[in-house]
Amino acid sequence: MTSAEDIQQQLPSHIAPRIRSVRLAEGVATLVADAGGLGRPEAAALQRELEATVGAIEGVAEVRVALMADKVERRIVAIGSGKGGVGKSTLTANLAVALARAGRKVGVVDADIYGPSQPMLLDASNSKPTAEGQQLIPVETAFGVKLLSMGQLIAPGKAIAWRGPMTGSALGQLMDAQWRDAEVLLVDLPPGTGDVQITMLQKFKPAGAIVVSTPQDLALIDATRALDLFRQAEIPVVGIVENMAGYLCPHCGQPSDPFGSGGAEAAARALGEPFLGRIPLALEIRVASDAGQPPASGDGAHGEAFAQIAARLGEWLDRR
């Protein structure tokens, strides 16, 4: 007579480690399997294979399979700025790559609906997300970072002329995708404090927010507005990053500060928020970004600047 132990012994070697329990009563085999880390197609395939394999065993008239999956504790970190052109998207891409290199499972949501740039920054312009039912499946980039962006869903160069409700719906599709094992989602917000930001803060409630600014007074005024929005929504502020901080002339070697120096750090101190670090104004960063090769993917000095800020973000997440 077939027993539960007999069923376990006849399971394929690639499936057996996922089996948590097997019962056999009156010809009905009930199996509990761990589907952790599997997407829906893979989980469905696992169930079909179990049903076929166990159903072929003598003495088994019916197979019932229960799949278990660990719920991923996923935290959202919004990357915002009060104005455009301060390097927010470049920072987001590089923080994601640096976090992935540090061993974290990371996804990027390009929520800058009208000006998506993450596909270029992460070398995924030619990669299109697929869908399963009503859910999008993010693109796996070469840097170990999952990505979803409106830039992957529309023709290159095509303008997006949408009103607020449509942008909110698009954001929901990106956020509610099959992120699977991603434990951290970095959201590249559009500049300013408009509909997308409000939808993000109210509906998806990020665990924290990073504000990016350049050192000059005009950018800092707008960055303060972004900080105020996060505070009003009761979103913890991880800290402030100063971008384009200092320039080293490639010809004479002399440093200069075309956008000023230390403004974001001083603002963070005055506002009582942490200062996460500064990224220099460097030709190498611009060239690498345009080529879809984030500096954080390498071990150079510029990559290290991003890695240090990512490490501070990682420490902040670990304390939560």
Protein backbone atom coordinates (compact mmCIF):
# COMPACT_ATOMS: atom_id res chain seq x y z
CA MET A 1 0.00 0.00 0.00
CA THR A 2 1.34 3.44 -0.95
CA SER A 3 2.27 5.72 1.96
CA ALA A 4 3.16 9.39 2.32
CA GLU A 5 6.80 8.36 2.67
CA ASP A 6 6.59 6.52 -0.68
CA ILE A 7 5.30 9.70 -2.33
CA GLN A 8 8.14 11.77 -0.88
CA GLN A 9 10.72 9.28 -2.14
CA GLN A 10 9.33 9.48 -5.69
CA LEU A 11 9.39 13.25 -5.95
CA PRO A 12 11.94 14.71 -8.43
CA SER A 13 15.14 15.95 -6.76
CA HIS A 14 14.55 19.56 -7.90
CA ILE A 15 11.12 19.63 -6.26
CA ALA A 16 11.70 17.63 -3.06
CA PRO A 17 13.43 20.48 -1.12
CA ARG A 18 10.30 22.63 -1.53
CA ILE A 19 7.93 20.08 0.01
CA ARG A 20 6.91 20.90 3.58
CA SER A 21 4.43 18.10 4.21
CA VAL A 22 2.78 15.14 2.51
CA ARG A 23 -0.41 13.37 3.60
CA LEU A 24 -2.26 10.46 2.01
CA ALA A 25 -5.73 9.47 3.12
CA GLU A 26 -8.27 7.40 1.20
CA GLY A 27 -6.41 7.91 -2.07
CA VAL A 28 -6.18 11.70 -1.68
CA ALA A 29 -2.60 13.04 -1.56
CA THR A 30 -2.25 16.50 0.01
CA LEU A 31 1.07 18.30 -0.43
CA VAL A 32 2.21 21.61 1.00
CA ALA A 33 5.01 23.18 -1.06
CA ASP A 34 7.11 26.30 -0.54
CA ALA A 35 6.79 28.61 -3.56
CA GLY A 36 8.87 31.39 -2.02
CA GLY A 37 10.80 33.43 -4.60
CA LEU A 38 8.77 32.11 -7.52
CA GLY A 39 6.65 34.26 -9.77
CA ARG A 40 3.13 33.22 -10.67
CA PRO A 41 4.12 31.31 -13.84
CA GLU A 42 6.84 29.35 -12.00
CA ALA A 43 4.52 28.62 -9.06
CA ALA A 44 1.81 27.40 -11.44
CA ALA A 45 4.36 25.17 -13.19
CA LEU A 46 5.43 23.74 -9.83
CA GLN A 47 1.83 22.90 -8.97
CA ARG A 48 1.22 21.23 -12.34
CA GLU A 49 4.36 19.12 -12.04
CA LEU A 50 3.42 17.99 -8.54
CA GLU A 51 -0.07 17.07 -9.66
CA ALA A 52 1.24 15.11 -12.64
CA THR A 53 4.04 13.35 -10.75
CA VAL A 54 2.07 12.39 -7.66
CA GLY A 55 -1.07 11.61 -9.65
CA ALA A 56 0.83 8.92 -11.55
CA ILE A 57 1.77 7.06 -8.36
CA GLU A 58 -0.17 3.85 -7.72
CA GLY A 59 -2.77 4.27 -5.00
CA VAL A 60 -3.23 8.02 -5.54
CA ALA A 61 -6.63 8.95 -6.94
CA GLU A 62 -6.54 12.70 -6.32
CA VAL A 63 -3.81 15.28 -5.70
CA ARG A 64 -4.27 18.50 -3.76
CA VAL A 65 -1.43 21.03 -3.69
CA ALA A 66 -1.19 24.01 -1.37
CA LEU A 67 1.52 26.55 -2.24
CA MET A 68 3.08 28.72 0.43
CA ALA A 69 5.09 31.87 -0.25
CA ASP A 70 6.89 34.14 2.18
CA LYS A 71 5.50 37.65 2.07
CA VAL A 72 8.29 40.06 1.16
CA GLU A 73 8.56 43.04 3.48
CA ARG A 74 8.94 45.69 0.82
CA ARG A 75 9.81 49.26 1.71
CA ILE A 76 9.43 52.27 -0.54
CA VAL A 77 11.89 55.14 -0.56
CA ALA A 78 10.87 58.23 -2.52
CA ILE A 79 13.62 60.31 -4.16
CA GLY A 80 12.38 63.86 -4.65
CA SER A 81 13.42 67.41 -5.39
CA GLY A 82 11.70 70.73 -5.50
CA LYS A 83 12.84 71.47 -9.06
CA GLY A 84 14.15 69.69 -12.12
CA GLY A 85 17.72 69.47 -13.31
CA VAL A 86 19.33 68.70 -9.96
CA GLY A 87 20.34 65.12 -10.79
CA LYS A 88 17.58 63.28 -8.94
CA SER A 89 17.23 60.53 -11.54
CA THR A 90 20.98 59.96 -11.75
CA LEU A 91 21.13 59.68 -7.98
CA THR A 92 18.20 57.22 -7.92
CA ALA A 93 19.77 54.93 -10.51
CA ASN A 94 23.14 54.91 -8.81
CA LEU A 95 21.71 54.36 -5.33
CA ALA A 96 19.78 51.38 -6.67
CA VAL A 97 22.89 49.88 -8.27
CA ALA A 98 24.98 50.49 -5.14
CA LEU A 99 22.33 48.88 -2.92
CA ALA A 100 22.16 45.88 -5.27
CA ARG A 101 25.95 45.52 -5.14
CA ALA A 102 25.65 45.53 -1.35
CA GLY A 103 23.37 42.49 -1.56
CA ARG A 104 19.90 44.04 -1.39
CA LYS A 105 17.01 43.16 -3.70
CA VAL A 106 16.15 46.47 -5.35
CA GLY A 107 13.57 47.80 -7.76
CA VAL A 108 13.27 51.24 -9.36
CA VAL A 109 9.97 52.89 -10.23
CA ASP A 110 10.44 55.74 -12.68
CA ALA A 111 7.51 57.87 -11.53
CA ASP A 112 8.64 60.88 -13.55
CA ILE A 113 5.76 60.20 -15.93
CA TYR A 114 6.39 63.17 -18.23
CA GLY A 115 10.18 62.87 -18.37
CA PRO A 116 11.23 59.25 -17.78
CA SER A 117 14.99 58.78 -17.91
CA GLN A 118 15.68 55.60 -15.95
CA PRO A 119 15.68 53.32 -19.04
CA MET A 120 18.64 55.26 -20.43
CA LEU A 121 20.43 55.51 -17.09
CA LEU A 122 20.10 51.75 -16.46
CA ASP A 123 20.73 50.69 -20.08
CA ALA A 124 17.21 49.29 -20.50
CA SER A 125 15.84 51.46 -23.31
CA ASN A 126 15.40 48.45 -25.57
CA SER A 127 13.84 46.22 -22.93
CA LYS A 128 10.06 46.14 -22.63
CA PRO A 129 8.17 44.88 -19.58
CA THR A 130 5.75 42.02 -20.05
CA ALA A 131 2.40 41.56 -18.34
CA GLU A 132 0.59 38.77 -16.61
CA GLY A 133 -3.10 39.47 -16.34
CA GLN A 134 -3.42 43.03 -15.10
CA GLN A 135 0.09 43.18 -13.62
CA LEU A 136 3.28 44.38 -15.26
CA ILE A 137 6.46 42.36 -14.80
CA PRO A 138 9.50 44.63 -14.31
CA VAL A 139 12.54 44.45 -16.55
CA GLU A 140 15.65 42.86 -15.07
CA THR A 141 18.56 45.17 -15.81
CA ALA A 142 22.19 44.14 -16.17
CA PHE A 143 22.93 45.72 -12.79
CA GLY A 144 20.73 43.44 -10.69
CA VAL A 145 18.00 46.09 -10.41
CA LYS A 146 14.39 45.61 -11.49
CA LEU A 147 12.92 48.55 -13.41
CA LEU A 148 9.58 49.88 -14.54
CA SER A 149 9.22 53.17 -16.37
CA MET A 150 6.80 54.90 -18.69
CA GLY A 151 9.82 55.27 -20.94
CA GLN A 152 9.59 51.52 -21.61
CA LEU A 153 5.91 51.67 -22.53
CA ILE A 154 5.80 54.51 -25.08
CA ALA A 155 7.63 55.19 -28.33
CA PRO A 156 10.95 57.06 -27.95
CA GLY A 157 10.50 60.81 -28.15
CA LYS A 158 6.72 60.65 -27.84
CA ALA A 159 5.25 63.30 -25.56
CA ILE A 160 2.97 62.25 -22.72
CA ALA A 161 0.14 64.81 -22.48
CA TRP A 162 -1.96 63.45 -19.63
CA ARG A 163 -4.05 65.08 -16.98
CA GLY A 164 -3.73 64.27 -13.27
CA PRO A 165 -6.06 61.22 -13.04
CA MET A 166 -4.25 59.46 -15.89
CA THR A 167 -0.85 59.98 -14.30
CA GLY A 168 -2.19 58.61 -11.03
CA SER A 169 -3.46 55.51 -12.81
CA ALA A 170 -0.11 55.02 -14.56
CA LEU A 171 1.73 55.33 -11.25
CA GLY A 172 -0.55 52.70 -9.73
CA GLN A 173 0.29 50.25 -12.53
CA LEU A 174 4.01 50.74 -11.97
CA MET A 175 3.77 50.40 -8.20
CA ASP A 176 1.41 47.40 -8.20
CA ALA A 177 3.57 45.35 -10.56
CA GLN A 178 5.00 41.90 -9.78
CA TRP A 179 8.09 43.05 -7.89
CA ARG A 180 8.52 39.55 -6.45
CA ASP A 181 11.58 39.47 -4.16
CA ALA A 182 12.40 43.18 -4.31
CA GLU A 183 12.73 44.36 -0.71
CA VAL A 184 13.41 48.02 -1.50
CA LEU A 185 11.66 50.14 -4.14
CA LEU A 186 13.32 53.44 -5.00
CA VAL A 187 10.79 55.79 -6.57
CA ASP A 188 12.18 58.49 -8.85
CA LEU A 189 9.56 61.21 -8.37
CA PRO A 190 8.99 64.02 -10.85
CA PRO A 191 10.23 67.43 -9.71
CA GLY A 192 7.90 69.62 -7.72
CA THR A 193 4.94 68.88 -5.47
CA GLY A 194 2.12 67.91 -7.83
CA ASP A 195 -0.39 65.12 -8.48
CA VAL A 196 2.10 62.25 -8.79
CA GLN A 197 3.81 63.13 -5.51
CA ILE A 198 0.51 63.44 -3.66
CA THR A 199 -0.76 60.12 -5.05
CA MET A 200 2.49 58.41 -4.08
CA LEU A 201 2.49 59.75 -0.52
CA GLN A 202 -1.20 59.15 0.16
CA LYS A 203 -1.76 55.81 -1.55
CA PHE A 204 1.59 54.03 -1.19
CA LYS A 205 2.98 55.66 1.98
CA PRO A 206 6.77 55.43 1.51
CA ALA A 207 8.89 54.32 4.44
CA GLY A 208 11.13 57.33 3.85
CA ALA A 209 12.19 60.06 1.44
CA ILE A 210 15.45 61.52 0.18
CA VAL A 211 15.62 65.09 -1.07
CA VAL A 212 18.17 66.06 -3.72
CA SER A 213 19.41 69.59 -4.28
CA THR A 214 22.29 71.48 -5.81
CA PRO A 215 24.14 73.91 -3.53
CA GLN A 216 22.75 77.21 -4.83
CA ASP A 217 20.08 79.16 -2.98
CA LEU A 218 17.40 78.87 -5.70
CA ALA A 219 17.51 75.06 -5.68
CA LEU A 220 17.55 75.00 -1.88
CA ILE A 221 14.37 77.08 -1.70
CA ASP A 222 12.58 74.51 -3.86
CA ALA A 223 14.13 71.59 -1.97
CA THR A 224 12.68 73.05 1.23
CA ARG A 225 9.23 72.88 -0.36
CA ALA A 226 9.75 69.20 -1.16
CA LEU A 227 10.80 68.59 2.44
CA ASP A 228 7.70 70.35 3.67
CA LEU A 229 5.50 68.11 1.50
CA PHE A 230 7.05 64.98 2.99
CA ARG A 231 6.64 66.36 6.48
CA GLN A 232 2.99 67.23 5.89
CA ALA A 233 2.40 63.65 4.73
CA GLU A 234 4.27 62.36 7.80
CA ILE A 235 6.88 60.61 5.65
CA PRO A 236 10.21 60.26 7.49
CA VAL A 237 13.04 62.09 5.75
CA VAL A 238 16.11 59.90 5.34
CA GLY A 239 18.23 62.93 4.53
CA ILE A 240 19.39 65.48 2.00
CA VAL A 241 21.93 64.91 -0.79
CA GLU A 242 23.94 67.73 -2.35
CA ASN A 243 24.53 67.06 -6.04
CA MET A 244 26.87 68.86 -8.49
CA ALA A 245 28.99 69.91 -5.54
CA GLY A 246 32.34 71.15 -6.79
CA TYR A 247 34.09 70.85 -10.12
CA LEU A 248 37.68 69.89 -10.82
CA CYS A 249 38.95 71.48 -14.03
CA PRO A 250 40.39 68.77 -16.31
CA HIS A 251 42.85 71.27 -17.83
CA CYS A 252 44.36 73.14 -14.89
CA GLY A 253 43.34 70.83 -12.08
CA GLN A 254 41.93 73.66 -10.00
CA PRO A 255 38.67 73.12 -8.10
CA SER A 256 35.76 75.51 -8.50
CA ASP A 257 32.16 75.73 -7.29
CA PRO A 258 29.92 76.98 -10.12
CA PHE A 259 26.79 76.19 -8.09
CA GLY A 260 28.19 77.21 -4.72
CA SER A 261 29.43 74.94 -1.97
CA GLY A 262 27.93 73.40 1.14
CA GLY A 263 24.49 74.91 0.70
CA ALA A 264 22.58 71.63 1.03
CA GLU A 265 24.58 70.57 4.05
CA ALA A 266 23.92 73.91 5.74
CA ALA A 267 20.23 73.65 4.86
CA ALA A 268 20.04 70.14 6.32
CA ARG A 269 21.60 71.39 9.53
CA ALA A 270 19.23 74.36 9.72
CA LEU A 271 16.18 72.18 9.02
CA GLY A 272 17.22 69.47 11.46
CA GLU A 273 17.54 66.78 8.79
CA PRO A 274 20.46 64.38 8.19
CA PHE A 275 22.98 65.22 5.47
CA LEU A 276 23.70 62.08 3.47
CA GLY A 277 26.61 63.32 1.38
CA ARG A 278 27.57 65.12 -1.80
CA ILE A 279 28.15 64.10 -5.41
CA PRO A 280 30.63 66.17 -7.48
CA LEU A 281 29.91 67.90 -10.78
CA ALA A 282 31.97 65.62 -13.01
CA LEU A 283 32.13 65.01 -16.74
CA GLU A 284 32.72 61.31 -16.09
CA ILE A 285 29.38 60.95 -14.32
CA ARG A 286 27.54 62.60 -17.20
CA VAL A 287 29.28 60.48 -19.86
CA ALA A 288 28.71 57.23 -17.97
CA SER A 289 25.07 58.10 -17.35
CA ASP A 290 24.42 58.87 -21.00
CA ALA A 291 25.97 55.51 -21.89
CA GLY A 292 23.76 53.62 -19.45
CA GLN A 293 26.70 52.65 -17.25
CA PRO A 294 26.04 54.01 -13.74
CA PRO A 295 29.29 54.94 -11.97
CA ALA A 296 28.04 53.00 -8.93
CA SER A 297 28.45 49.80 -10.95
CA GLY A 298 32.23 50.25 -10.79
CA ASP A 299 34.86 50.84 -8.14
CA GLY A 300 36.02 54.31 -9.17
CA ALA A 301 35.98 57.44 -7.03
CA HIS A 302 32.64 58.61 -8.38
CA GLY A 303 31.09 55.23 -7.78
CA GLU A 304 32.35 55.36 -4.21
CA ALA A 305 30.55 58.67 -3.63
CA PHE A 306 27.23 57.01 -4.52
CA ALA A 307 28.13 53.87 -2.53
CA GLN A 308 28.67 55.91 0.63
CA ILE A 309 25.24 57.53 0.36
CA ALA A 310 23.68 54.13 -0.38
CA ALA A 311 25.37 52.72 2.71
CA ARG A 312 23.80 55.46 4.83
CA LEU A 313 20.42 54.69 3.30
CA GLY A 314 20.97 50.99 4.04
CA GLU A 315 21.80 51.77 7.66
CA TRP A 316 18.65 53.87 7.92
CA LEU A 317 16.53 51.01 6.55
CA ASP A 318 18.11 48.53 8.95
CA ARG A 319 17.16 50.71 11.90
CA ARG A 320 13.49 50.90 10.94
